[in-house]
Amino acid sequence: MRTEQLTAIALEKVNFDKYLLANAVGKRAEAIANGAEILLDFDTSGMKYADIALQEIAEGKMSVSLEG
């Protein structure tokens, strides 16, 4: 799936808050880079960490919420 389509789906998951989505993708990508388990059910060896994080959010594999 194209990045634009994934982004549109992921934005729906965060009530169209693009700043929340960007923050969530950044934090998740950093966690993956530091060894966190990838939640996707396919080979991600050629993907960037941010793309993996975006895919996880779009597929609902992880939830995103405001803290604080």
PDB file of N, CA and C in Angstrom:
ATOM      1  N   MET A   1       0.853  -1.180   0.000  1.00  0.00           N
ATOM      2  CA  MET A   1       0.000   0.000   0.000  1.00  0.00           C
ATOM      3  C   MET A   1       0.896   1.240   0.000  1.00  0.00           C
ATOM      4  N   ARG A   2       0.478   2.247  -0.697  1.00  0.00           N
ATOM      5  CA  ARG A   2       1.266   3.480  -0.788  1.00  0.00           C
ATOM      6  C   ARG A   2       1.259   4.247   0.533  1.00  0.00           C
ATOM      7  N   THR A   3       2.303   5.014   0.749  1.00  0.00           N
ATOM      8  CA  THR A   3       2.447   5.780   1.984  1.00  0.00           C
ATOM      9  C   THR A   3       1.280   6.743   2.188  1.00  0.00           C
ATOM     10  N   GLU A   4       0.808   7.355   1.116  1.00  0.00           N
ATOM     11  CA  GLU A   4      -0.311   8.302   1.230  1.00  0.00           C
ATOM     12  C   GLU A   4      -1.568   7.598   1.724  1.00  0.00           C
ATOM     13  N   GLN A   5      -1.807   6.393   1.237  1.00  0.00           N
ATOM     14  CA  GLN A   5      -2.980   5.634   1.671  1.00  0.00           C
ATOM     15  C   GLN A   5      -2.838   5.209   3.131  1.00  0.00           C
ATOM     16  N   LEU A   6      -1.645   4.753   3.501  1.00  0.00           N
ATOM     17  CA  LEU A   6      -1.399   4.367   4.891  1.00  0.00           C
ATOM     18  C   LEU A   6      -1.577   5.552   5.828  1.00  0.00           C
ATOM     19  N   THR A   7      -1.071   6.693   5.417  1.00  0.00           N
ATOM     20  CA  THR A   7      -1.194   7.890   6.241  1.00  0.00           C
ATOM     21  C   THR A   7      -2.654   8.274   6.439  1.00  0.00           C
ATOM     22  N   ALA A   8      -3.451   8.192   5.390  1.00  0.00           N
ATOM     23  CA  ALA A   8      -4.873   8.518   5.495  1.00  0.00           C
ATOM     24  C   ALA A   8      -5.577   7.573   6.467  1.00  0.00           C
ATOM     25  N   ILE A   9      -5.254   6.293   6.397  1.00  0.00           N
ATOM     26  CA  ILE A   9      -5.865   5.319   7.301  1.00  0.00           C
ATOM     27  C   ILE A   9      -5.406   5.559   8.736  1.00  0.00           C
ATOM     28  N   ALA A  10      -4.109   5.806   8.904  1.00  0.00           N
ATOM     29  CA  ALA A  10      -3.567   6.060  10.241  1.00  0.00           C
ATOM     30  C   ALA A  10      -4.148   7.344  10.835  1.00  0.00           C
ATOM     31  N   LEU A  11      -4.358   8.348  10.010  1.00  0.00           N
ATOM     32  CA  LEU A  11      -4.959   9.598  10.503  1.00  0.00           C
ATOM     33  C   LEU A  11      -6.355   9.361  11.052  1.00  0.00           C
ATOM     34  N   GLU A  12      -7.108   8.471  10.436  1.00  0.00           N
ATOM     35  CA  GLU A  12      -8.441   8.136  10.951  1.00  0.00           C
ATOM     36  C   GLU A  12      -8.334   7.557  12.355  1.00  0.00           C
ATOM     37  N   LYS A  13      -7.302   6.775  12.601  1.00  0.00           N
ATOM     38  CA  LYS A  13      -7.119   6.124  13.908  1.00  0.00           C
ATOM     39  C   LYS A  13      -6.824   7.128  15.022  1.00  0.00           C
ATOM     40  N   VAL A  14      -6.312   8.315  14.656  1.00  0.00           N
ATOM     41  CA  VAL A  14      -5.971   9.337  15.661  1.00  0.00           C
ATOM     42  C   VAL A  14      -6.868  10.569  15.526  1.00  0.00           C
ATOM     43  N   ASN A  15      -8.069  10.360  15.007  1.00  0.00           N
ATOM     44  CA  ASN A  15      -9.043  11.448  14.855  1.00  0.00           C
ATOM     45  C   ASN A  15      -8.501  12.614  14.047  1.00  0.00           C
ATOM     46  N   PHE A  16      -7.731  12.298  13.009  1.00  0.00           N
ATOM     47  CA  PHE A  16      -7.196  13.265  12.055  1.00  0.00           C
ATOM     48  C   PHE A  16      -6.289  14.310  12.685  1.00  0.00           C
ATOM     49  N   ASP A  17      -5.621  13.943  13.778  1.00  0.00           N
ATOM     50  CA  ASP A  17      -4.651  14.828  14.433  1.00  0.00           C
ATOM     51  C   ASP A  17      -3.261  14.497  13.876  1.00  0.00           C
ATOM     52  N   LYS A  18      -2.835  15.268  12.897  1.00  0.00           N
ATOM     53  CA  LYS A  18      -1.567  14.956  12.223  1.00  0.00           C
ATOM     54  C   LYS A  18      -0.366  15.122  13.140  1.00  0.00           C
ATOM     55  N   TYR A  19      -0.447  15.988  14.113  1.00  0.00           N
ATOM     56  CA  TYR A  19       0.665  16.188  15.039  1.00  0.00           C
ATOM     57  C   TYR A  19       0.786  14.990  15.987  1.00  0.00           C
ATOM     58  N   LEU A  20      -0.345  14.487  16.437  1.00  0.00           N
ATOM     59  CA  LEU A  20      -0.346  13.295  17.279  1.00  0.00           C
ATOM     60  C   LEU A  20       0.206  12.102  16.504  1.00  0.00           C
ATOM     61  N   LEU A  21      -0.197  11.970  15.254  1.00  0.00           N
ATOM     62  CA  LEU A  21       0.293  10.871  14.423  1.00  0.00           C
ATOM     63  C   LEU A  21       1.803  10.979  14.209  1.00  0.00           C
ATOM     64  N   ALA A  22       2.279  12.165  13.887  1.00  0.00           N
ATOM     65  CA  ALA A  22       3.712  12.352  13.665  1.00  0.00           C
ATOM     66  C   ALA A  22       4.510  12.017  14.922  1.00  0.00           C
ATOM     67  N   ASN A  23       4.017  12.430  16.066  1.00  0.00           N
ATOM     68  CA  ASN A  23       4.681  12.144  17.338  1.00  0.00           C
ATOM     69  C   ASN A  23       4.681  10.641  17.615  1.00  0.00           C
ATOM     70  N   ALA A  24       3.547   9.996  17.381  1.00  0.00           N
ATOM     71  CA  ALA A  24       3.436   8.561  17.636  1.00  0.00           C
ATOM     72  C   ALA A  24       4.355   7.766  16.713  1.00  0.00           C
ATOM     73  N   VAL A  25       4.385   8.133  15.443  1.00  0.00           N
ATOM     74  CA  VAL A  25       5.253   7.439  14.495  1.00  0.00           C
ATOM     75  C   VAL A  25       6.720   7.619  14.896  1.00  0.00           C
ATOM     76  N   GLY A  26       7.092   8.826  15.275  1.00  0.00           N
ATOM     77  CA  GLY A  26       8.472   9.077  15.688  1.00  0.00           C
ATOM     78  C   GLY A  26       8.882   8.276  16.905  1.00  0.00           C
ATOM     79  N   LYS A  27       8.010   8.237  17.910  1.00  0.00           N
ATOM     80  CA  LYS A  27       8.329   7.494  19.127  1.00  0.00           C
ATOM     81  C   LYS A  27       8.382   5.991  18.864  1.00  0.00           C
ATOM     82  N   ARG A  28       7.438   5.506  18.061  1.00  0.00           N
ATOM     83  CA  ARG A  28       7.415   4.069  17.761  1.00  0.00           C
ATOM     84  C   ARG A  28       8.617   3.684  16.909  1.00  0.00           C
ATOM     85  N   ALA A  29       8.970   4.517  15.936  1.00  0.00           N
ATOM     86  CA  ALA A  29      10.135   4.235  15.097  1.00  0.00           C
ATOM     87  C   ALA A  29      11.403   4.178  15.944  1.00  0.00           C
ATOM     88  N   GLU A  30      11.521   5.072  16.901  1.00  0.00           N
ATOM     89  CA  GLU A  30      12.678   5.060  17.800  1.00  0.00           C
ATOM     90  C   GLU A  30      12.699   3.787  18.635  1.00  0.00           C
ATOM     91  N   ALA A  31      11.526   3.381  19.111  1.00  0.00           N
ATOM     92  CA  ALA A  31      11.450   2.147  19.897  1.00  0.00           C
ATOM     93  C   ALA A  31      11.861   0.939  19.058  1.00  0.00           C
ATOM     94  N   ILE A  32      11.413   0.890  17.813  1.00  0.00           N
ATOM     95  CA  ILE A  32      11.789  -0.211  16.925  1.00  0.00           C
ATOM     96  C   ILE A  32      13.300  -0.200  16.683  1.00  0.00           C
ATOM     97  N   ALA A  33      13.852   0.988  16.468  1.00  0.00           N
ATOM     98  CA  ALA A  33      15.292   1.110  16.249  1.00  0.00           C
ATOM     99  C   ALA A  33      16.085   0.625  17.460  1.00  0.00           C
ATOM    100  N   ASN A  34      15.486   0.762  18.637  1.00  0.00           N
ATOM    101  CA  ASN A  34      16.156   0.339  19.870  1.00  0.00           C
ATOM    102  C   ASN A  34      15.829  -1.104  20.249  1.00  0.00           C
ATOM    103  N   GLY A  35      15.182  -1.844  19.333  1.00  0.00           N
ATOM    104  CA  GLY A  35      14.978  -3.267  19.564  1.00  0.00           C
ATOM    105  C   GLY A  35      13.584  -3.710  19.926  1.00  0.00           C
ATOM    106  N   ALA A  36      12.598  -2.819  19.903  1.00  0.00           N
ATOM    107  CA  ALA A  36      11.224  -3.227  20.217  1.00  0.00           C
ATOM    108  C   ALA A  36      10.720  -4.225  19.180  1.00  0.00           C
ATOM    109  N   GLU A  37       9.846  -5.110  19.621  1.00  0.00           N
ATOM    110  CA  GLU A  37       9.290  -6.126  18.726  1.00  0.00           C
ATOM    111  C   GLU A  37       8.387  -5.482  17.680  1.00  0.00           C
ATOM    112  N   ILE A  38       8.544  -5.898  16.442  1.00  0.00           N
ATOM    113  CA  ILE A  38       7.699  -5.406  15.353  1.00  0.00           C
ATOM    114  C   ILE A  38       6.395  -6.190  15.360  1.00  0.00           C
ATOM    115  N   LEU A  39       5.278  -5.496  15.266  1.00  0.00           N
ATOM    116  CA  LEU A  39       3.966  -6.109  15.417  1.00  0.00           C
ATOM    117  C   LEU A  39       3.326  -6.553  14.106  1.00  0.00           C
ATOM    118  N   LEU A  40       4.014  -6.401  13.002  1.00  0.00           N
ATOM    119  CA  LEU A  40       3.451  -6.748  11.701  1.00  0.00           C
ATOM    120  C   LEU A  40       3.685  -8.225  11.385  1.00  0.00           C
ATOM    121  N   ASP A  41       2.795  -8.788  10.561  1.00  0.00           N
ATOM    122  CA  ASP A  41       2.826 -10.216  10.259  1.00  0.00           C
ATOM    123  C   ASP A  41       3.492 -10.536   8.930  1.00  0.00           C
ATOM    124  N   PHE A  42       4.349  -9.662   8.441  1.00  0.00           N
ATOM    125  CA  PHE A  42       5.046  -9.914   7.185  1.00  0.00           C
ATOM    126  C   PHE A  42       6.485  -9.431   7.300  1.00  0.00           C
ATOM    127  N   ASP A  43       7.297  -9.782   6.310  1.00  0.00           N
ATOM    128  CA  ASP A  43       8.720  -9.441   6.320  1.00  0.00           C
ATOM    129  C   ASP A  43       8.909  -7.935   6.160  1.00  0.00           C
ATOM    130  N   THR A  44       9.549  -7.326   7.123  1.00  0.00           N
ATOM    131  CA  THR A  44       9.763  -5.873   7.114  1.00  0.00           C
ATOM    132  C   THR A  44      11.233  -5.525   6.912  1.00  0.00           C
ATOM    133  N   SER A  45      12.026  -6.468   6.454  1.00  0.00           N
ATOM    134  CA  SER A  45      13.470  -6.258   6.381  1.00  0.00           C
ATOM    135  C   SER A  45      13.877  -5.108   5.461  1.00  0.00           C
ATOM    136  N   GLY A  46      13.084  -4.782   4.453  1.00  0.00           N
ATOM    137  CA  GLY A  46      13.437  -3.695   3.550  1.00  0.00           C
ATOM    138  C   GLY A  46      12.765  -2.380   3.880  1.00  0.00           C
ATOM    139  N   MET A  47      12.063  -2.323   5.002  1.00  0.00           N
ATOM    140  CA  MET A  47      11.292  -1.129   5.344  1.00  0.00           C
ATOM    141  C   MET A  47      12.049  -0.240   6.330  1.00  0.00           C
ATOM    142  N   LYS A  48      11.764   1.049   6.266  1.00  0.00           N
ATOM    143  CA  LYS A  48      12.310   2.000   7.236  1.00  0.00           C
ATOM    144  C   LYS A  48      11.483   1.904   8.516  1.00  0.00           C
ATOM    145  N   TYR A  49      12.088   2.281   9.621  1.00  0.00           N
ATOM    146  CA  TYR A  49      11.399   2.199  10.906  1.00  0.00           C
ATOM    147  C   TYR A  49      10.124   3.032  10.940  1.00  0.00           C
ATOM    148  N   ALA A  50      10.158   4.216  10.366  1.00  0.00           N
ATOM    149  CA  ALA A  50       8.967   5.076  10.354  1.00  0.00           C
ATOM    150  C   ALA A  50       7.850   4.450   9.533  1.00  0.00           C
ATOM    151  N   ASP A  51       8.190   3.770   8.443  1.00  0.00           N
ATOM    152  CA  ASP A  51       7.174   3.106   7.630  1.00  0.00           C
ATOM    153  C   ASP A  51       6.549   1.934   8.375  1.00  0.00           C
ATOM    154  N   ILE A  52       7.361   1.228   9.133  1.00  0.00           N
ATOM    155  CA  ILE A  52       6.843   0.128   9.947  1.00  0.00           C
ATOM    156  C   ILE A  52       5.883   0.676  11.002  1.00  0.00           C
ATOM    157  N   ALA A  53       6.283   1.745  11.658  1.00  0.00           N
ATOM    158  CA  ALA A  53       5.445   2.350  12.692  1.00  0.00           C
ATOM    159  C   ALA A  53       4.117   2.833  12.105  1.00  0.00           C
ATOM    160  N   LEU A  54       4.174   3.474  10.961  1.00  0.00           N
ATOM    161  CA  LEU A  54       2.960   3.961  10.310  1.00  0.00           C
ATOM    162  C   LEU A  54       2.047   2.795   9.945  1.00  0.00           C
ATOM    163  N   GLN A  55       2.617   1.725   9.435  1.00  0.00           N
ATOM    164  CA  GLN A  55       1.845   0.535   9.072  1.00  0.00           C
ATOM    165  C   GLN A  55       1.181  -0.080  10.307  1.00  0.00           C
ATOM    166  N   GLU A  56       1.907  -0.143  11.412  1.00  0.00           N
ATOM    167  CA  GLU A  56       1.352  -0.693  12.648  1.00  0.00           C
ATOM    168  C   GLU A  56       0.153   0.122  13.119  1.00  0.00           C
ATOM    169  N   ILE A  57       0.266   1.436  13.053  1.00  0.00           N
ATOM    170  CA  ILE A  57      -0.841   2.298  13.481  1.00  0.00           C
ATOM    171  C   ILE A  57      -2.026   2.147  12.545  1.00  0.00           C
ATOM    172  N   ALA A  58      -1.773   2.141  11.244  1.00  0.00           N
ATOM    173  CA  ALA A  58      -2.850   2.022  10.255  1.00  0.00           C
ATOM    174  C   ALA A  58      -3.595   0.699  10.404  1.00  0.00           C
ATOM    175  N   GLU A  59      -2.886  -0.364  10.736  1.00  0.00           N
ATOM    176  CA  GLU A  59      -3.509  -1.674  10.893  1.00  0.00           C
ATOM    177  C   GLU A  59      -4.141  -1.860  12.268  1.00  0.00           C
ATOM    178  N   GLY A  60      -3.990  -0.874  13.152  1.00  0.00           N
ATOM    179  CA  GLY A  60      -4.576  -0.990  14.481  1.00  0.00           C
ATOM    180  C   GLY A  60      -3.811  -1.921  15.398  1.00  0.00           C
ATOM    181  N   LYS A  61      -2.552  -2.209  15.069  1.00  0.00           N
ATOM    182  CA  LYS A  61      -1.736  -3.094  15.897  1.00  0.00           C
ATOM    183  C   LYS A  61      -1.313  -2.408  17.193  1.00  0.00           C
ATOM    184  N   MET A  62      -1.384  -1.094  17.211  1.00  0.00           N
ATOM    185  CA  MET A  62      -1.082  -0.347  18.427  1.00  0.00           C
ATOM    186  C   MET A  62      -2.017   0.852  18.497  1.00  0.00           C
ATOM    187  N   SER A  63      -2.359   1.243  19.694  1.00  0.00           N
ATOM    188  CA  SER A  63      -3.257   2.386  19.855  1.00  0.00           C
ATOM    189  C   SER A  63      -2.453   3.640  20.169  1.00  0.00           C
ATOM    190  N   VAL A  64      -3.013   4.760  19.802  1.00  0.00           N
ATOM    191  CA  VAL A  64      -2.362   6.048  20.022  1.00  0.00           C
ATOM    192  C   VAL A  64      -3.340   6.916  20.800  1.00  0.00           C
ATOM    193  N   SER A  65      -2.864   7.503  21.884  1.00  0.00           N
ATOM    194  CA  SER A  65      -3.720   8.379  22.664  1.00  0.00           C
ATOM    195  C   SER A  65      -2.916   9.518  23.262  1.00  0.00           C
ATOM    196  N   LEU A  66      -3.609  10.561  23.641  1.00  0.00           N
ATOM    197  CA  LEU A  66      -2.956  11.686  24.304  1.00  0.00           C
ATOM    198  C   LEU A  66      -2.663  11.307  25.747  1.00  0.00           C
ATOM    199  N   GLU A  67      -1.489  11.652  26.206  1.00  0.00           N
ATOM    200  CA  GLU A  67      -1.128  11.425  27.611  1.00  0.00           C
ATOM    201  C   GLU A  67      -0.942  12.773  28.268  1.00  0.00           C
ATOM    202  N   GLY A  68      -1.275  12.803  29.516  1.00  0.00           N
ATOM    203  CA  GLY A  68      -0.965  14.011  30.217  1.00  0.00           C
ATOM    204  C   GLY A  68      -2.146  14.644  30.763  1.00  0.00           C
TER     205      GLY A  68
END
